[in-house]
Amino acid sequence: MGRWRRGCQNVAARLSSNFVVQYSTNLAGSNWMNLLSLSNLPASLYLFLDPAGDAGPARFYRAFMQ
């Protein structure tokens, strides 16, 4: 994952791969929530926005290939 910017994140990965992006407000916790699924990643640096990411507590993001 790229550098975190409040509500905005990027995924650098292999093209045409499928990914799930999750978030959590507690980095040490195990309660990760699905934010979005990316099918056939269209660009190797894919930028996505989290509309709720700029309000409330900080969010941590992770992405993994399916």
N, C-alpha and C. Protein backbone atom coordinates (compact mmCIF):
# COMPACT_ATOMS: atom_id res chain seq x y z
N MET A 1 0.85 -1.17 0.00
CA MET A 1 0.00 0.00 0.00
C MET A 1 0.89 1.23 0.00
N GLY A 2 0.36 2.27 -0.53
CA GLY A 2 1.11 3.52 -0.60
C GLY A 2 0.95 4.36 0.64
N ARG A 3 1.39 5.57 0.55
CA ARG A 3 1.33 6.51 1.66
C ARG A 3 -0.13 6.87 1.94
N TRP A 4 -0.50 6.90 3.21
CA TRP A 4 -1.87 7.22 3.60
C TRP A 4 -2.08 8.72 3.62
N ARG A 5 -3.13 9.18 2.99
CA ARG A 5 -3.57 10.58 3.04
C ARG A 5 -5.02 10.54 3.47
N ARG A 6 -5.39 11.31 4.42
CA ARG A 6 -6.73 11.29 5.02
C ARG A 6 -7.82 11.05 3.98
N GLY A 7 -8.39 9.84 3.98
CA GLY A 7 -9.49 9.49 3.08
C GLY A 7 -9.07 9.07 1.69
N CYS A 8 -7.78 9.07 1.40
CA CYS A 8 -7.28 8.76 0.07
C CYS A 8 -6.12 7.78 0.19
N GLN A 9 -6.09 6.79 -0.66
CA GLN A 9 -5.05 5.76 -0.58
C GLN A 9 -4.78 5.24 -1.98
N ASN A 10 -3.62 4.63 -2.17
CA ASN A 10 -3.34 4.02 -3.46
C ASN A 10 -2.84 2.60 -3.26
N VAL A 11 -3.08 1.79 -4.27
CA VAL A 11 -2.64 0.40 -4.28
C VAL A 11 -1.69 0.24 -5.46
N ALA A 12 -0.48 -0.18 -5.20
CA ALA A 12 0.47 -0.49 -6.26
C ALA A 12 0.60 -2.00 -6.33
N ALA A 13 0.18 -2.58 -7.46
CA ALA A 13 0.16 -4.04 -7.56
C ALA A 13 0.17 -4.46 -9.02
N ARG A 14 0.14 -5.76 -9.23
CA ARG A 14 0.13 -6.34 -10.56
C ARG A 14 -1.18 -6.03 -11.28
N LEU A 15 -1.08 -5.66 -12.54
CA LEU A 15 -2.28 -5.40 -13.35
C LEU A 15 -3.09 -6.68 -13.51
N SER A 16 -4.38 -6.51 -13.69
CA SER A 16 -5.35 -7.60 -13.91
C SER A 16 -5.50 -8.52 -12.72
N SER A 17 -5.06 -8.10 -11.55
CA SER A 17 -5.22 -8.90 -10.33
C SER A 17 -6.46 -8.45 -9.58
N ASN A 18 -6.97 -9.32 -8.71
CA ASN A 18 -8.15 -9.01 -7.90
C ASN A 18 -7.71 -8.77 -6.46
N PHE A 19 -8.19 -7.67 -5.87
CA PHE A 19 -7.80 -7.29 -4.53
C PHE A 19 -9.01 -6.93 -3.68
N VAL A 20 -8.86 -7.07 -2.38
CA VAL A 20 -9.83 -6.58 -1.41
C VAL A 20 -9.10 -5.53 -0.58
N VAL A 21 -9.76 -4.39 -0.36
CA VAL A 21 -9.22 -3.34 0.49
C VAL A 21 -10.06 -3.31 1.75
N GLN A 22 -9.40 -3.34 2.89
CA GLN A 22 -10.07 -3.31 4.19
C GLN A 22 -9.56 -2.13 5.02
N TYR A 23 -10.34 -1.77 6.05
CA TYR A 23 -9.92 -0.71 6.96
C TYR A 23 -10.22 -1.12 8.40
N SER A 24 -9.52 -0.47 9.31
CA SER A 24 -9.76 -0.65 10.73
C SER A 24 -9.38 0.64 11.45
N THR A 25 -10.03 0.92 12.55
CA THR A 25 -9.65 2.09 13.35
C THR A 25 -8.65 1.71 14.43
N ASN A 26 -8.36 0.42 14.55
CA ASN A 26 -7.41 -0.07 15.54
C ASN A 26 -6.41 -0.98 14.84
N LEU A 27 -5.21 -0.49 14.62
CA LEU A 27 -4.21 -1.24 13.89
C LEU A 27 -3.85 -2.55 14.58
N ALA A 28 -3.90 -2.58 15.90
CA ALA A 28 -3.55 -3.78 16.65
C ALA A 28 -4.72 -4.77 16.76
N GLY A 29 -5.91 -4.34 16.40
CA GLY A 29 -7.08 -5.20 16.53
C GLY A 29 -7.25 -6.17 15.39
N SER A 30 -8.27 -7.00 15.48
CA SER A 30 -8.53 -8.01 14.44
C SER A 30 -9.85 -7.74 13.73
N ASN A 31 -10.45 -6.58 13.95
CA ASN A 31 -11.75 -6.26 13.36
C ASN A 31 -11.56 -5.40 12.11
N TRP A 32 -11.19 -6.03 10.99
CA TRP A 32 -11.01 -5.33 9.73
C TRP A 32 -12.31 -5.42 8.93
N MET A 33 -12.73 -4.30 8.36
CA MET A 33 -13.98 -4.23 7.60
C MET A 33 -13.65 -4.08 6.11
N ASN A 34 -14.42 -4.77 5.25
CA ASN A 34 -14.23 -4.62 3.81
C ASN A 34 -14.68 -3.24 3.37
N LEU A 35 -13.83 -2.59 2.60
CA LEU A 35 -14.16 -1.28 2.05
C LEU A 35 -14.55 -1.40 0.58
N LEU A 36 -13.75 -2.14 -0.19
CA LEU A 36 -14.07 -2.34 -1.60
C LEU A 36 -13.31 -3.53 -2.16
N SER A 37 -13.81 -4.03 -3.27
CA SER A 37 -13.15 -5.10 -4.01
C SER A 37 -12.73 -4.55 -5.36
N LEU A 38 -11.52 -4.88 -5.76
CA LEU A 38 -11.01 -4.43 -7.05
C LEU A 38 -10.84 -5.65 -7.94
N SER A 39 -11.57 -5.69 -9.04
CA SER A 39 -11.46 -6.79 -9.99
C SER A 39 -10.67 -6.31 -11.20
N ASN A 40 -9.69 -7.11 -11.59
CA ASN A 40 -8.85 -6.77 -12.74
C ASN A 40 -8.28 -5.37 -12.60
N LEU A 41 -7.42 -5.18 -11.63
CA LEU A 41 -6.80 -3.89 -11.34
C LEU A 41 -6.41 -3.18 -12.64
N PRO A 42 -7.01 -2.01 -12.93
CA PRO A 42 -6.81 -1.34 -14.22
C PRO A 42 -5.48 -0.59 -14.35
N ALA A 43 -4.85 -0.25 -13.25
CA ALA A 43 -3.59 0.48 -13.28
C ALA A 43 -2.71 0.00 -12.14
N SER A 44 -1.40 0.02 -12.36
CA SER A 44 -0.50 -0.50 -11.32
C SER A 44 -0.42 0.43 -10.12
N LEU A 45 -0.82 1.67 -10.26
CA LEU A 45 -0.98 2.57 -9.12
C LEU A 45 -2.43 3.03 -9.15
N TYR A 46 -3.27 2.37 -8.37
CA TYR A 46 -4.71 2.63 -8.36
C TYR A 46 -5.06 3.47 -7.15
N LEU A 47 -5.64 4.63 -7.37
CA LEU A 47 -6.03 5.55 -6.31
C LEU A 47 -7.50 5.34 -5.98
N PHE A 48 -7.81 5.19 -4.68
CA PHE A 48 -9.21 5.10 -4.28
C PHE A 48 -9.46 6.07 -3.13
N LEU A 49 -10.71 6.47 -3.01
CA LEU A 49 -11.13 7.39 -1.97
C LEU A 49 -12.06 6.69 -0.99
N ASP A 50 -11.90 7.00 0.27
CA ASP A 50 -12.80 6.51 1.31
C ASP A 50 -13.61 7.71 1.77
N PRO A 51 -14.87 7.83 1.35
CA PRO A 51 -15.67 9.01 1.69
C PRO A 51 -15.78 9.26 3.19
N ALA A 52 -15.73 8.22 4.00
CA ALA A 52 -15.84 8.38 5.45
C ALA A 52 -14.46 8.50 6.10
N GLY A 53 -13.40 8.46 5.31
CA GLY A 53 -12.05 8.46 5.85
C GLY A 53 -11.58 9.79 6.41
N ASP A 54 -12.27 10.87 6.09
CA ASP A 54 -11.82 12.18 6.58
C ASP A 54 -12.57 12.64 7.82
N ALA A 55 -13.45 11.81 8.34
CA ALA A 55 -14.21 12.16 9.54
C ALA A 55 -14.01 11.05 10.58
N GLY A 56 -14.14 11.41 11.82
CA GLY A 56 -14.04 10.41 12.89
C GLY A 56 -12.62 10.00 13.17
N PRO A 57 -12.46 8.83 13.81
CA PRO A 57 -11.10 8.38 14.16
C PRO A 57 -10.30 8.01 12.91
N ALA A 58 -9.00 7.99 13.04
CA ALA A 58 -8.12 7.62 11.94
C ALA A 58 -8.43 6.20 11.48
N ARG A 59 -8.27 5.95 10.19
CA ARG A 59 -8.47 4.62 9.64
C ARG A 59 -7.15 4.10 9.09
N PHE A 60 -6.94 2.82 9.27
CA PHE A 60 -5.77 2.13 8.71
C PHE A 60 -6.27 1.22 7.60
N TYR A 61 -5.51 1.13 6.52
CA TYR A 61 -5.94 0.37 5.36
C TYR A 61 -4.94 -0.76 5.06
N ARG A 62 -5.50 -1.83 4.49
CA ARG A 62 -4.66 -2.90 3.97
C ARG A 62 -5.34 -3.47 2.73
N ALA A 63 -4.54 -4.02 1.85
CA ALA A 63 -5.07 -4.65 0.64
C ALA A 63 -4.40 -6.00 0.48
N PHE A 64 -5.15 -6.96 -0.01
CA PHE A 64 -4.56 -8.27 -0.28
C PHE A 64 -5.15 -8.86 -1.54
N MET A 65 -4.35 -9.64 -2.22
CA MET A 65 -4.77 -10.25 -3.47
C MET A 65 -5.61 -11.50 -3.19
N GLN A 66 -6.66 -11.65 -3.96
CA GLN A 66 -7.54 -12.83 -3.83
C GLN A 66 -7.09 -13.90 -4.77
